[in-house]
N, C-alpha and C. Protein backbone atom coordinates (compact mmCIF):
# COMPACT_ATOMS: atom_id res chain seq x y z
N MET A 1 0.85 -1.19 0.00
CA MET A 1 0.00 0.00 0.00
C MET A 1 0.88 1.24 0.00
N LYS A 2 0.72 2.11 -1.00
CA LYS A 2 1.50 3.34 -1.08
C LYS A 2 0.56 4.54 -1.16
N ILE A 3 0.88 5.55 -0.37
CA ILE A 3 0.09 6.77 -0.34
C ILE A 3 0.99 7.91 -0.80
N LEU A 4 0.57 8.62 -1.83
CA LEU A 4 1.28 9.80 -2.30
C LEU A 4 0.56 11.02 -1.75
N HIS A 5 1.28 11.83 -0.97
CA HIS A 5 0.71 12.97 -0.27
C HIS A 5 1.41 14.24 -0.76
N LEU A 6 0.63 15.14 -1.36
CA LEU A 6 1.17 16.38 -1.90
C LEU A 6 0.51 17.57 -1.23
N ASP A 7 1.32 18.50 -0.72
CA ASP A 7 0.83 19.77 -0.22
C ASP A 7 1.40 20.89 -1.08
N SER A 8 0.62 21.96 -1.25
CA SER A 8 1.11 23.07 -2.08
C SER A 8 0.80 24.44 -1.49
N SER A 9 0.17 24.49 -0.32
CA SER A 9 -0.16 25.77 0.29
C SER A 9 1.10 26.50 0.76
N ILE A 10 1.10 27.82 0.62
CA ILE A 10 2.24 28.62 1.06
C ILE A 10 2.03 29.19 2.47
N THR A 11 0.94 28.82 3.14
CA THR A 11 0.61 29.43 4.43
C THR A 11 1.04 28.60 5.63
N GLY A 12 1.78 27.53 5.40
CA GLY A 12 2.36 26.76 6.49
C GLY A 12 1.36 26.25 7.50
N GLN A 13 1.64 26.51 8.78
CA GLN A 13 0.80 25.98 9.86
C GLN A 13 -0.60 26.57 9.87
N PHE A 14 -0.82 27.63 9.13
CA PHE A 14 -2.14 28.25 9.06
C PHE A 14 -2.99 27.69 7.92
N SER A 15 -2.44 26.75 7.19
CA SER A 15 -3.09 26.22 5.99
C SER A 15 -4.21 25.25 6.34
N VAL A 16 -5.37 25.49 5.78
CA VAL A 16 -6.50 24.57 5.94
C VAL A 16 -6.29 23.32 5.09
N SER A 17 -5.79 23.49 3.87
CA SER A 17 -5.60 22.31 3.02
C SER A 17 -4.57 21.36 3.62
N ARG A 18 -3.50 21.89 4.23
CA ARG A 18 -2.50 21.03 4.88
C ARG A 18 -3.10 20.28 6.06
N LEU A 19 -3.90 20.98 6.85
CA LEU A 19 -4.56 20.35 7.98
C LEU A 19 -5.40 19.15 7.53
N LEU A 20 -6.19 19.36 6.49
CA LEU A 20 -7.13 18.33 6.05
C LEU A 20 -6.44 17.20 5.30
N THR A 21 -5.42 17.50 4.49
CA THR A 21 -4.71 16.39 3.83
C THR A 21 -4.03 15.51 4.86
N ALA A 22 -3.47 16.12 5.91
CA ALA A 22 -2.82 15.34 6.97
C ALA A 22 -3.82 14.41 7.65
N GLU A 23 -5.05 14.89 7.83
CA GLU A 23 -6.06 14.07 8.49
C GLU A 23 -6.50 12.91 7.58
N ILE A 24 -6.57 13.16 6.29
CA ILE A 24 -6.91 12.08 5.36
C ILE A 24 -5.82 11.01 5.38
N VAL A 25 -4.57 11.44 5.30
CA VAL A 25 -3.46 10.49 5.30
C VAL A 25 -3.43 9.71 6.61
N ALA A 26 -3.66 10.39 7.73
CA ALA A 26 -3.68 9.70 9.02
C ALA A 26 -4.77 8.64 9.07
N ALA A 27 -5.94 8.96 8.50
CA ALA A 27 -7.04 8.00 8.47
C ALA A 27 -6.68 6.79 7.60
N GLU A 28 -6.01 7.04 6.47
CA GLU A 28 -5.61 5.94 5.60
C GLU A 28 -4.54 5.07 6.26
N VAL A 29 -3.61 5.69 6.96
CA VAL A 29 -2.57 4.93 7.65
C VAL A 29 -3.17 4.12 8.80
N ALA A 30 -4.19 4.67 9.45
CA ALA A 30 -4.86 3.93 10.51
C ALA A 30 -5.51 2.66 9.95
N ARG A 31 -6.02 2.76 8.72
CA ARG A 31 -6.63 1.59 8.07
C ARG A 31 -5.57 0.63 7.56
N HIS A 32 -4.41 1.17 7.17
CA HIS A 32 -3.34 0.36 6.58
C HIS A 32 -2.03 0.70 7.30
N PRO A 33 -1.81 0.13 8.48
CA PRO A 33 -0.63 0.50 9.28
C PRO A 33 0.70 0.26 8.59
N ASP A 34 0.72 -0.63 7.61
CA ASP A 34 1.97 -0.92 6.91
C ASP A 34 2.16 -0.06 5.66
N ALA A 35 1.30 0.93 5.49
CA ALA A 35 1.35 1.76 4.28
C ALA A 35 2.64 2.59 4.25
N GLU A 36 3.16 2.77 3.05
CA GLU A 36 4.30 3.66 2.83
C GLU A 36 3.77 5.00 2.34
N VAL A 37 4.16 6.07 3.02
CA VAL A 37 3.71 7.41 2.66
C VAL A 37 4.86 8.16 1.97
N ILE A 38 4.60 8.60 0.76
CA ILE A 38 5.55 9.43 0.01
C ILE A 38 5.03 10.86 0.07
N TYR A 39 5.83 11.76 0.63
CA TYR A 39 5.35 13.12 0.86
C TYR A 39 6.19 14.14 0.12
N HIS A 40 5.50 15.10 -0.50
CA HIS A 40 6.18 16.25 -1.13
C HIS A 40 5.51 17.53 -0.67
N ASP A 41 6.31 18.42 -0.11
CA ASP A 41 5.86 19.77 0.19
C ASP A 41 6.27 20.62 -1.01
N LEU A 42 5.34 20.78 -1.93
CA LEU A 42 5.66 21.44 -3.19
C LEU A 42 5.90 22.93 -3.03
N ALA A 43 5.39 23.51 -1.94
CA ALA A 43 5.66 24.93 -1.69
C ALA A 43 7.08 25.11 -1.17
N GLU A 44 7.56 24.13 -0.40
CA GLU A 44 8.89 24.22 0.19
C GLU A 44 9.98 23.83 -0.81
N THR A 45 9.74 22.76 -1.56
CA THR A 45 10.74 22.28 -2.52
C THR A 45 10.05 22.00 -3.86
N PRO A 46 9.71 23.04 -4.59
CA PRO A 46 9.00 22.85 -5.86
C PRO A 46 9.94 22.43 -6.98
N ALA A 47 9.36 21.79 -7.98
CA ALA A 47 10.11 21.55 -9.22
C ALA A 47 10.28 22.87 -9.95
N MET A 48 11.28 22.93 -10.80
CA MET A 48 11.47 24.12 -11.62
C MET A 48 10.30 24.25 -12.60
N HIS A 49 9.97 25.49 -12.95
CA HIS A 49 9.00 25.68 -14.02
C HIS A 49 9.63 25.24 -15.34
N LEU A 50 8.79 24.73 -16.23
CA LEU A 50 9.30 24.31 -17.53
C LEU A 50 9.92 25.49 -18.27
N SER A 51 10.98 25.21 -18.99
CA SER A 51 11.75 26.26 -19.66
C SER A 51 12.22 25.76 -21.02
N PRO A 52 12.79 26.64 -21.85
CA PRO A 52 13.37 26.18 -23.11
C PRO A 52 14.44 25.11 -22.91
N ALA A 53 15.17 25.17 -21.79
CA ALA A 53 16.19 24.15 -21.51
C ALA A 53 15.54 22.79 -21.27
N HIS A 54 14.39 22.77 -20.60
CA HIS A 54 13.67 21.51 -20.40
C HIS A 54 13.23 20.94 -21.75
N LEU A 55 12.67 21.80 -22.59
CA LEU A 55 12.19 21.35 -23.88
C LEU A 55 13.32 20.76 -24.71
N ALA A 56 14.47 21.42 -24.69
CA ALA A 56 15.62 20.91 -25.44
C ALA A 56 16.04 19.55 -24.92
N ALA A 57 16.02 19.37 -23.60
CA ALA A 57 16.39 18.08 -23.01
C ALA A 57 15.38 17.01 -23.38
N PHE A 58 14.08 17.36 -23.36
CA PHE A 58 13.04 16.40 -23.73
C PHE A 58 13.20 15.93 -25.18
N GLN A 59 13.76 16.81 -26.01
CA GLN A 59 13.93 16.49 -27.42
C GLN A 59 15.29 15.83 -27.72
N GLY A 60 16.00 15.46 -26.65
CA GLY A 60 17.24 14.72 -26.82
C GLY A 60 18.50 15.55 -26.78
N GLY A 61 18.40 16.84 -26.48
CA GLY A 61 19.58 17.69 -26.42
C GLY A 61 20.43 17.38 -25.20
N PRO A 62 21.69 17.77 -25.22
CA PRO A 62 22.58 17.50 -24.09
C PRO A 62 22.18 18.31 -22.86
N VAL A 63 22.39 17.71 -21.68
CA VAL A 63 22.12 18.40 -20.42
C VAL A 63 23.44 18.68 -19.74
N THR A 64 23.84 19.92 -19.72
CA THR A 64 25.13 20.30 -19.14
C THR A 64 24.99 21.03 -17.81
N ASN A 65 23.76 21.43 -17.48
CA ASN A 65 23.51 22.16 -16.24
C ASN A 65 23.10 21.17 -15.15
N GLU A 66 23.82 21.16 -14.02
CA GLU A 66 23.55 20.19 -12.97
C GLU A 66 22.19 20.40 -12.32
N ALA A 67 21.79 21.66 -12.15
CA ALA A 67 20.47 21.93 -11.57
C ALA A 67 19.37 21.38 -12.46
N LEU A 68 19.53 21.53 -13.76
CA LEU A 68 18.55 20.99 -14.70
C LEU A 68 18.56 19.47 -14.66
N ARG A 69 19.74 18.87 -14.57
CA ARG A 69 19.84 17.41 -14.51
C ARG A 69 19.08 16.87 -13.29
N GLN A 70 19.28 17.52 -12.15
CA GLN A 70 18.59 17.08 -10.94
C GLN A 70 17.08 17.27 -11.05
N ASP A 71 16.69 18.36 -11.70
CA ASP A 71 15.27 18.64 -11.84
C ASP A 71 14.60 17.64 -12.78
N LEU A 72 15.30 17.25 -13.83
CA LEU A 72 14.76 16.23 -14.74
C LEU A 72 14.60 14.90 -14.01
N ALA A 73 15.55 14.58 -13.14
CA ALA A 73 15.46 13.35 -12.36
C ALA A 73 14.27 13.42 -11.40
N LEU A 74 14.03 14.61 -10.83
CA LEU A 74 12.88 14.78 -9.95
C LEU A 74 11.57 14.57 -10.71
N GLY A 75 11.49 15.11 -11.92
CA GLY A 75 10.29 14.91 -12.72
C GLY A 75 10.04 13.45 -13.03
N ALA A 76 11.10 12.71 -13.32
CA ALA A 76 10.97 11.27 -13.59
C ALA A 76 10.48 10.55 -12.33
N ARG A 77 10.99 10.98 -11.17
CA ARG A 77 10.55 10.35 -9.92
C ARG A 77 9.09 10.64 -9.63
N TYR A 78 8.65 11.86 -9.93
CA TYR A 78 7.24 12.19 -9.76
C TYR A 78 6.35 11.21 -10.54
N ILE A 79 6.73 10.91 -11.77
CA ILE A 79 5.93 10.00 -12.60
C ILE A 79 5.94 8.60 -12.02
N GLU A 80 7.10 8.12 -11.58
CA GLU A 80 7.20 6.79 -10.97
C GLU A 80 6.29 6.70 -9.73
N GLU A 81 6.30 7.75 -8.93
CA GLU A 81 5.46 7.76 -7.72
C GLU A 81 3.99 7.71 -8.08
N LEU A 82 3.62 8.41 -9.12
CA LEU A 82 2.22 8.44 -9.54
C LEU A 82 1.77 7.06 -9.99
N PHE A 83 2.63 6.35 -10.69
CA PHE A 83 2.28 4.99 -11.13
C PHE A 83 2.17 4.03 -9.95
N SER A 84 3.04 4.19 -8.96
CA SER A 84 3.09 3.20 -7.88
C SER A 84 2.09 3.46 -6.76
N ALA A 85 1.57 4.68 -6.65
CA ALA A 85 0.68 5.01 -5.54
C ALA A 85 -0.68 4.35 -5.69
N ASP A 86 -1.21 3.88 -4.57
CA ASP A 86 -2.58 3.35 -4.52
C ASP A 86 -3.58 4.45 -4.14
N VAL A 87 -3.13 5.34 -3.27
CA VAL A 87 -3.96 6.46 -2.82
C VAL A 87 -3.16 7.73 -3.04
N ILE A 88 -3.82 8.76 -3.58
CA ILE A 88 -3.16 10.04 -3.84
C ILE A 88 -3.97 11.13 -3.15
N VAL A 89 -3.29 11.88 -2.29
CA VAL A 89 -3.94 12.95 -1.52
C VAL A 89 -3.27 14.26 -1.91
N ILE A 90 -4.06 15.20 -2.42
CA ILE A 90 -3.51 16.45 -2.95
C ILE A 90 -4.16 17.64 -2.26
N GLY A 91 -3.34 18.48 -1.66
CA GLY A 91 -3.82 19.74 -1.11
C GLY A 91 -3.76 20.81 -2.19
N ALA A 92 -4.92 21.36 -2.53
CA ALA A 92 -5.01 22.29 -3.66
C ALA A 92 -5.76 23.56 -3.26
N PRO A 93 -5.11 24.47 -2.54
CA PRO A 93 -5.76 25.75 -2.25
C PRO A 93 -5.95 26.54 -3.53
N MET A 94 -6.96 27.38 -3.55
CA MET A 94 -7.19 28.19 -4.73
C MET A 94 -6.58 29.58 -4.53
N TYR A 95 -5.67 29.94 -5.43
CA TYR A 95 -5.05 31.27 -5.40
C TYR A 95 -5.43 32.01 -6.68
N ASN A 96 -6.05 33.16 -6.52
CA ASN A 96 -6.43 33.97 -7.69
C ASN A 96 -7.21 33.16 -8.72
N HIS A 97 -8.14 32.34 -8.19
CA HIS A 97 -9.07 31.55 -8.99
C HIS A 97 -8.42 30.35 -9.68
N GLY A 98 -7.16 30.06 -9.35
CA GLY A 98 -6.49 28.91 -9.97
C GLY A 98 -5.66 28.15 -8.96
N LEU A 99 -4.79 27.29 -9.46
CA LEU A 99 -3.93 26.47 -8.61
C LEU A 99 -2.64 27.21 -8.26
N PRO A 100 -2.02 26.86 -7.14
CA PRO A 100 -0.70 27.41 -6.85
C PRO A 100 0.28 27.03 -7.96
N THR A 101 1.20 27.92 -8.28
CA THR A 101 2.15 27.63 -9.35
C THR A 101 3.00 26.41 -9.02
N GLN A 102 3.24 26.18 -7.73
CA GLN A 102 4.05 25.02 -7.34
C GLN A 102 3.35 23.72 -7.70
N LEU A 103 2.03 23.68 -7.52
CA LEU A 103 1.27 22.49 -7.90
C LEU A 103 1.19 22.38 -9.42
N LYS A 104 1.09 23.51 -10.09
CA LYS A 104 1.07 23.51 -11.55
C LYS A 104 2.39 22.94 -12.09
N SER A 105 3.51 23.24 -11.42
CA SER A 105 4.79 22.69 -11.86
C SER A 105 4.80 21.17 -11.76
N TRP A 106 4.22 20.65 -10.68
CA TRP A 106 4.11 19.18 -10.54
C TRP A 106 3.25 18.62 -11.66
N ILE A 107 2.11 19.27 -11.95
CA ILE A 107 1.23 18.82 -13.03
C ILE A 107 1.99 18.76 -14.35
N ASP A 108 2.77 19.81 -14.63
CA ASP A 108 3.50 19.86 -15.90
C ASP A 108 4.56 18.77 -16.00
N ARG A 109 5.02 18.27 -14.87
CA ARG A 109 6.05 17.25 -14.91
C ARG A 109 5.49 15.84 -15.01
N VAL A 110 4.23 15.66 -14.64
CA VAL A 110 3.65 14.30 -14.70
C VAL A 110 2.67 14.13 -15.85
N THR A 111 2.17 15.21 -16.42
CA THR A 111 1.23 15.10 -17.54
C THR A 111 2.05 15.12 -18.83
N VAL A 112 2.53 13.95 -19.20
CA VAL A 112 3.51 13.84 -20.29
C VAL A 112 3.00 12.85 -21.35
N ALA A 113 2.82 13.35 -22.57
CA ALA A 113 2.37 12.48 -23.67
C ALA A 113 3.37 11.35 -23.88
N GLY A 114 2.85 10.14 -24.00
CA GLY A 114 3.70 8.98 -24.20
C GLY A 114 4.11 8.30 -22.91
N LYS A 115 3.89 8.97 -21.78
CA LYS A 115 4.24 8.38 -20.49
C LYS A 115 3.03 8.21 -19.58
N THR A 116 2.26 9.26 -19.39
CA THR A 116 1.07 9.14 -18.54
C THR A 116 -0.23 9.25 -19.33
N PHE A 117 -0.14 9.64 -20.58
CA PHE A 117 -1.28 9.58 -21.49
C PHE A 117 -0.75 9.51 -22.91
N ARG A 118 -1.62 9.16 -23.84
CA ARG A 118 -1.21 9.14 -25.25
C ARG A 118 -2.36 9.62 -26.12
N TYR A 119 -1.99 10.11 -27.28
CA TYR A 119 -2.98 10.54 -28.26
C TYR A 119 -3.34 9.36 -29.16
N THR A 120 -4.63 9.19 -29.41
CA THR A 120 -5.10 8.13 -30.29
C THR A 120 -6.08 8.73 -31.29
N GLU A 121 -6.50 7.93 -32.24
CA GLU A 121 -7.48 8.40 -33.22
C GLU A 121 -8.81 8.72 -32.55
N ARG A 122 -9.04 8.13 -31.39
CA ARG A 122 -10.29 8.37 -30.65
C ARG A 122 -10.13 9.47 -29.60
N GLY A 123 -8.96 10.08 -29.57
CA GLY A 123 -8.71 11.13 -28.59
C GLY A 123 -7.69 10.68 -27.56
N PRO A 124 -7.37 11.51 -26.57
CA PRO A 124 -6.37 11.15 -25.56
C PRO A 124 -6.81 9.95 -24.73
N GLU A 125 -5.82 9.17 -24.32
CA GLU A 125 -6.08 7.97 -23.52
C GLU A 125 -5.11 7.94 -22.35
N GLY A 126 -5.64 7.81 -21.14
CA GLY A 126 -4.80 7.76 -19.96
C GLY A 126 -4.02 6.47 -19.88
N LEU A 127 -2.80 6.55 -19.36
CA LEU A 127 -1.92 5.39 -19.26
C LEU A 127 -1.68 4.94 -17.82
N LEU A 128 -2.21 5.68 -16.86
CA LEU A 128 -2.04 5.27 -15.47
C LEU A 128 -3.04 4.18 -15.11
N PRO A 129 -2.64 3.25 -14.25
CA PRO A 129 -3.54 2.15 -13.88
C PRO A 129 -4.83 2.66 -13.25
N ALA A 130 -5.93 2.03 -13.61
CA ALA A 130 -7.21 2.40 -13.02
C ALA A 130 -7.28 1.89 -11.58
N GLY A 131 -8.19 2.46 -10.82
CA GLY A 131 -8.44 1.96 -9.47
C GLY A 131 -7.77 2.75 -8.37
N LYS A 132 -6.95 3.71 -8.71
CA LYS A 132 -6.33 4.53 -7.67
C LYS A 132 -7.39 5.43 -7.04
N GLN A 133 -7.27 5.62 -5.73
CA GLN A 133 -8.20 6.51 -5.03
C GLN A 133 -7.56 7.88 -4.88
N ILE A 134 -8.26 8.91 -5.34
CA ILE A 134 -7.72 10.27 -5.30
C ILE A 134 -8.57 11.12 -4.36
N PHE A 135 -7.91 11.82 -3.44
CA PHE A 135 -8.58 12.79 -2.59
C PHE A 135 -7.96 14.16 -2.88
N ILE A 136 -8.79 15.12 -3.25
CA ILE A 136 -8.34 16.48 -3.49
C ILE A 136 -8.97 17.38 -2.44
N VAL A 137 -8.14 18.04 -1.65
CA VAL A 137 -8.65 19.02 -0.69
C VAL A 137 -8.57 20.39 -1.34
N SER A 138 -9.73 20.95 -1.61
CA SER A 138 -9.83 22.24 -2.30
C SER A 138 -10.27 23.30 -1.29
N SER A 139 -9.34 24.15 -0.87
CA SER A 139 -9.66 25.20 0.10
C SER A 139 -9.74 26.55 -0.60
N LYS A 140 -10.72 27.35 -0.16
CA LYS A 140 -10.98 28.64 -0.83
C LYS A 140 -11.39 29.69 0.20
N GLY A 141 -10.95 30.91 -0.03
CA GLY A 141 -11.33 32.00 0.85
C GLY A 141 -12.79 32.37 0.73
N GLY A 142 -13.34 32.25 -0.46
CA GLY A 142 -14.75 32.54 -0.70
C GLY A 142 -15.54 31.27 -0.98
N VAL A 143 -16.75 31.44 -1.49
CA VAL A 143 -17.62 30.32 -1.81
C VAL A 143 -17.86 30.32 -3.32
N TYR A 144 -17.59 29.17 -3.95
CA TYR A 144 -17.66 29.09 -5.41
C TYR A 144 -18.52 27.93 -5.90
N SER A 145 -19.10 27.16 -4.99
CA SER A 145 -19.89 26.00 -5.39
C SER A 145 -21.38 26.34 -5.34
N GLY A 146 -22.19 25.36 -5.72
CA GLY A 146 -23.64 25.54 -5.66
C GLY A 146 -24.12 26.66 -6.56
N GLU A 147 -24.93 27.53 -6.00
CA GLU A 147 -25.51 28.63 -6.76
C GLU A 147 -24.73 29.94 -6.57
N SER A 148 -23.50 29.84 -6.10
CA SER A 148 -22.72 31.05 -5.87
C SER A 148 -22.55 31.85 -7.16
N PRO A 149 -22.71 33.18 -7.10
CA PRO A 149 -22.50 34.00 -8.30
C PRO A 149 -21.04 34.00 -8.76
N ALA A 150 -20.15 33.52 -7.89
CA ALA A 150 -18.72 33.45 -8.24
C ALA A 150 -18.33 32.09 -8.82
N LYS A 151 -19.32 31.23 -9.05
CA LYS A 151 -19.04 29.87 -9.49
C LYS A 151 -18.20 29.84 -10.77
N HIS A 152 -18.45 30.79 -11.67
CA HIS A 152 -17.74 30.79 -12.95
C HIS A 152 -16.26 31.15 -12.81
N LEU A 153 -15.85 31.60 -11.62
CA LEU A 153 -14.45 31.96 -11.40
C LEU A 153 -13.64 30.81 -10.81
N GLU A 154 -14.25 29.67 -10.60
CA GLU A 154 -13.56 28.52 -10.02
C GLU A 154 -12.82 27.76 -11.12
N HIS A 155 -11.49 27.85 -11.12
CA HIS A 155 -10.69 27.19 -12.15
C HIS A 155 -9.64 26.25 -11.56
N SER A 156 -9.71 25.98 -10.28
CA SER A 156 -8.71 25.11 -9.65
C SER A 156 -9.14 23.65 -9.68
N GLU A 157 -10.34 23.37 -9.18
CA GLU A 157 -10.83 21.98 -9.17
C GLU A 157 -10.96 21.43 -10.59
N THR A 158 -11.54 22.24 -11.47
CA THR A 158 -11.75 21.75 -12.83
C THR A 158 -10.42 21.48 -13.53
N HIS A 159 -9.44 22.32 -13.27
CA HIS A 159 -8.11 22.11 -13.86
C HIS A 159 -7.50 20.81 -13.37
N LEU A 160 -7.48 20.64 -12.05
CA LEU A 160 -6.82 19.48 -11.47
C LEU A 160 -7.54 18.17 -11.81
N THR A 161 -8.86 18.14 -11.68
CA THR A 161 -9.58 16.91 -12.02
C THR A 161 -9.47 16.63 -13.52
N GLY A 162 -9.38 17.68 -14.33
CA GLY A 162 -9.25 17.49 -15.77
C GLY A 162 -7.95 16.83 -16.15
N VAL A 163 -6.83 17.31 -15.60
CA VAL A 163 -5.54 16.71 -15.98
C VAL A 163 -5.39 15.32 -15.38
N LEU A 164 -5.93 15.10 -14.18
CA LEU A 164 -5.89 13.75 -13.62
C LEU A 164 -6.69 12.79 -14.48
N GLY A 165 -7.87 13.24 -14.92
CA GLY A 165 -8.68 12.41 -15.80
C GLY A 165 -8.00 12.11 -17.11
N LEU A 166 -7.27 13.10 -17.64
CA LEU A 166 -6.52 12.89 -18.88
C LEU A 166 -5.55 11.73 -18.75
N MET A 167 -4.96 11.59 -17.56
CA MET A 167 -3.98 10.52 -17.33
C MET A 167 -4.64 9.20 -16.93
N GLY A 168 -5.97 9.21 -16.82
CA GLY A 168 -6.69 7.98 -16.47
C GLY A 168 -7.14 7.92 -15.04
N LEU A 169 -6.87 8.97 -14.26
CA LEU A 169 -7.24 8.99 -12.84
C LEU A 169 -8.59 9.68 -12.69
N LYS A 170 -9.64 8.90 -12.85
CA LYS A 170 -10.99 9.46 -12.87
C LYS A 170 -11.73 9.29 -11.54
N ASN A 171 -11.12 8.52 -10.62
CA ASN A 171 -11.79 8.26 -9.34
C ASN A 171 -11.35 9.29 -8.31
N ALA A 172 -11.68 10.56 -8.56
CA ALA A 172 -11.23 11.65 -7.69
C ALA A 172 -12.39 12.17 -6.85
N THR A 173 -12.15 12.29 -5.56
CA THR A 173 -13.11 12.87 -4.63
C THR A 173 -12.61 14.24 -4.23
N VAL A 174 -13.41 15.27 -4.47
CA VAL A 174 -13.04 16.64 -4.10
C VAL A 174 -13.69 16.97 -2.76
N ILE A 175 -12.86 17.35 -1.80
CA ILE A 175 -13.33 17.73 -0.47
C ILE A 175 -13.11 19.23 -0.34
N ARG A 176 -14.20 19.98 -0.24
CA ARG A 176 -14.11 21.44 -0.24
C ARG A 176 -14.15 22.02 1.17
N ALA A 177 -13.32 23.02 1.37
CA ALA A 177 -13.39 23.87 2.56
C ALA A 177 -13.50 25.29 2.03
N GLU A 178 -14.73 25.77 1.91
CA GLU A 178 -14.98 27.07 1.28
C GLU A 178 -15.33 28.13 2.32
N GLY A 179 -15.04 29.38 1.98
CA GLY A 179 -15.40 30.49 2.85
C GLY A 179 -14.46 30.67 4.03
N ILE A 180 -13.25 30.12 3.94
CA ILE A 180 -12.34 30.20 5.09
C ILE A 180 -11.79 31.61 5.31
N GLY A 181 -11.98 32.49 4.34
CA GLY A 181 -11.54 33.87 4.49
C GLY A 181 -12.63 34.80 4.99
N LEU A 182 -13.78 34.24 5.35
CA LEU A 182 -14.93 35.07 5.73
C LEU A 182 -15.07 35.24 7.23
N GLY A 183 -14.00 35.00 7.97
CA GLY A 183 -14.03 35.17 9.42
C GLY A 183 -13.78 33.87 10.15
N PRO A 184 -13.42 33.93 11.44
CA PRO A 184 -13.08 32.72 12.21
C PRO A 184 -14.18 31.68 12.27
N GLU A 185 -15.42 32.14 12.45
CA GLU A 185 -16.53 31.17 12.54
C GLU A 185 -16.75 30.46 11.21
N ALA A 186 -16.69 31.20 10.13
CA ALA A 186 -16.87 30.60 8.81
C ALA A 186 -15.73 29.62 8.52
N ARG A 187 -14.53 30.00 8.90
CA ARG A 187 -13.37 29.12 8.70
C ARG A 187 -13.55 27.81 9.45
N GLN A 188 -13.92 27.89 10.73
CA GLN A 188 -14.09 26.67 11.52
C GLN A 188 -15.24 25.82 10.99
N ARG A 189 -16.31 26.48 10.56
CA ARG A 189 -17.44 25.74 10.01
C ARG A 189 -17.03 25.01 8.73
N ALA A 190 -16.22 25.65 7.88
CA ALA A 190 -15.75 25.01 6.65
C ALA A 190 -14.89 23.80 6.96
N ILE A 191 -14.04 23.92 7.97
CA ILE A 191 -13.18 22.80 8.37
C ILE A 191 -14.02 21.63 8.87
N GLU A 192 -14.99 21.92 9.72
CA GLU A 192 -15.82 20.85 10.27
C GLU A 192 -16.66 20.19 9.18
N ASP A 193 -17.18 20.98 8.26
CA ASP A 193 -17.93 20.40 7.14
C ASP A 193 -17.05 19.47 6.32
N ALA A 194 -15.82 19.91 6.06
CA ALA A 194 -14.89 19.09 5.29
C ALA A 194 -14.55 17.81 6.04
N ARG A 195 -14.38 17.91 7.35
CA ARG A 195 -14.06 16.72 8.15
C ARG A 195 -15.17 15.68 8.08
N ARG A 196 -16.42 16.14 8.07
CA ARG A 196 -17.52 15.19 7.96
C ARG A 196 -17.49 14.47 6.62
N VAL A 197 -17.18 15.21 5.57
CA VAL A 197 -17.06 14.59 4.24
C VAL A 197 -15.90 13.60 4.22
N ILE A 198 -14.78 13.97 4.82
CA ILE A 198 -13.63 13.08 4.87
C ILE A 198 -14.00 11.78 5.58
N GLY A 199 -14.69 11.90 6.73
CA GLY A 199 -15.10 10.70 7.46
C GLY A 199 -15.94 9.77 6.62
N ASN A 200 -16.89 10.35 5.88
CA ASN A 200 -17.77 9.53 5.04
C ASN A 200 -17.02 8.93 3.85
N GLU A 201 -16.18 9.72 3.21
CA GLU A 201 -15.49 9.25 2.01
C GLU A 201 -14.44 8.19 2.32
N VAL A 202 -13.68 8.39 3.38
CA VAL A 202 -12.68 7.38 3.75
C VAL A 202 -13.35 6.10 4.15
N LYS A 203 -14.49 6.20 4.85
CA LYS A 203 -15.23 5.01 5.26
C LYS A 203 -15.74 4.26 4.02
N GLN A 204 -16.26 4.99 3.03
CA GLN A 204 -16.78 4.35 1.83
C GLN A 204 -15.66 3.70 1.01
N ALA A 205 -14.46 4.29 1.07
CA ALA A 205 -13.33 3.76 0.30
C ALA A 205 -12.76 2.50 0.93
N ALA A 206 -13.15 2.22 2.18
CA ALA A 206 -12.60 1.05 2.89
C ALA A 206 -13.05 -0.24 2.23
C-alpha cells in the first residue's frame, strides 16, 4: 500500500488544506498501518517551471547544467510515484481563482504524452492504472460552489480533475473547505464540514 501525499499551500501551519490532507493520510494509515507514505511539500521544494532548456532536453539535447539534470530526475521520480501510488492525496488551495504555481509545476512534470497519457485516433487515452483513489482538498477563501454567483471563477478543481482524468485517474473525490476567508466562525465551520465529508469518504473507500 502506497500513499502519495502532496501539499502546495504557502501558508504553512495556518493552511486549511495542509490540515485536512494530513487528516486524510492519518485515516488511511490507521486503516493500513503498513502503508508507505511518500510526501512532497511542493511549496517548500518545488520543481522548476518548464523552460526552453527543459524542452531541449526532452527532445534529446545535451544536459550540461547540474540543476537541470537534478530537476529532470525529480520529474521522472514524480511520474514513478504516480504509477506506484494506490492512494493520492492532494492539497489544492485556490489562489487567484487557480492552482498554486508550485502544484502547476508538478502537473506539468507528470502530464507527459507517451508516459502518462497518449494521443489516439479516438482522442487522448490515460496510461495510469485504473483503481487509484484520489482525494483532493480544495480550500478557498470565498464560496464558489452551488448557486454562488462566483461559481464561474472557479478554475482550480476543474483544472486538477481534468488533468488527472486525462492521465486515467478518474476516481477523484473533491473535499471542499470554502469560505475560510470570511471570518473565524466561517473558517471553523468550513473545516468541520470538510471533516464530515472526509469521514464519510474514507469510510466508503474502505
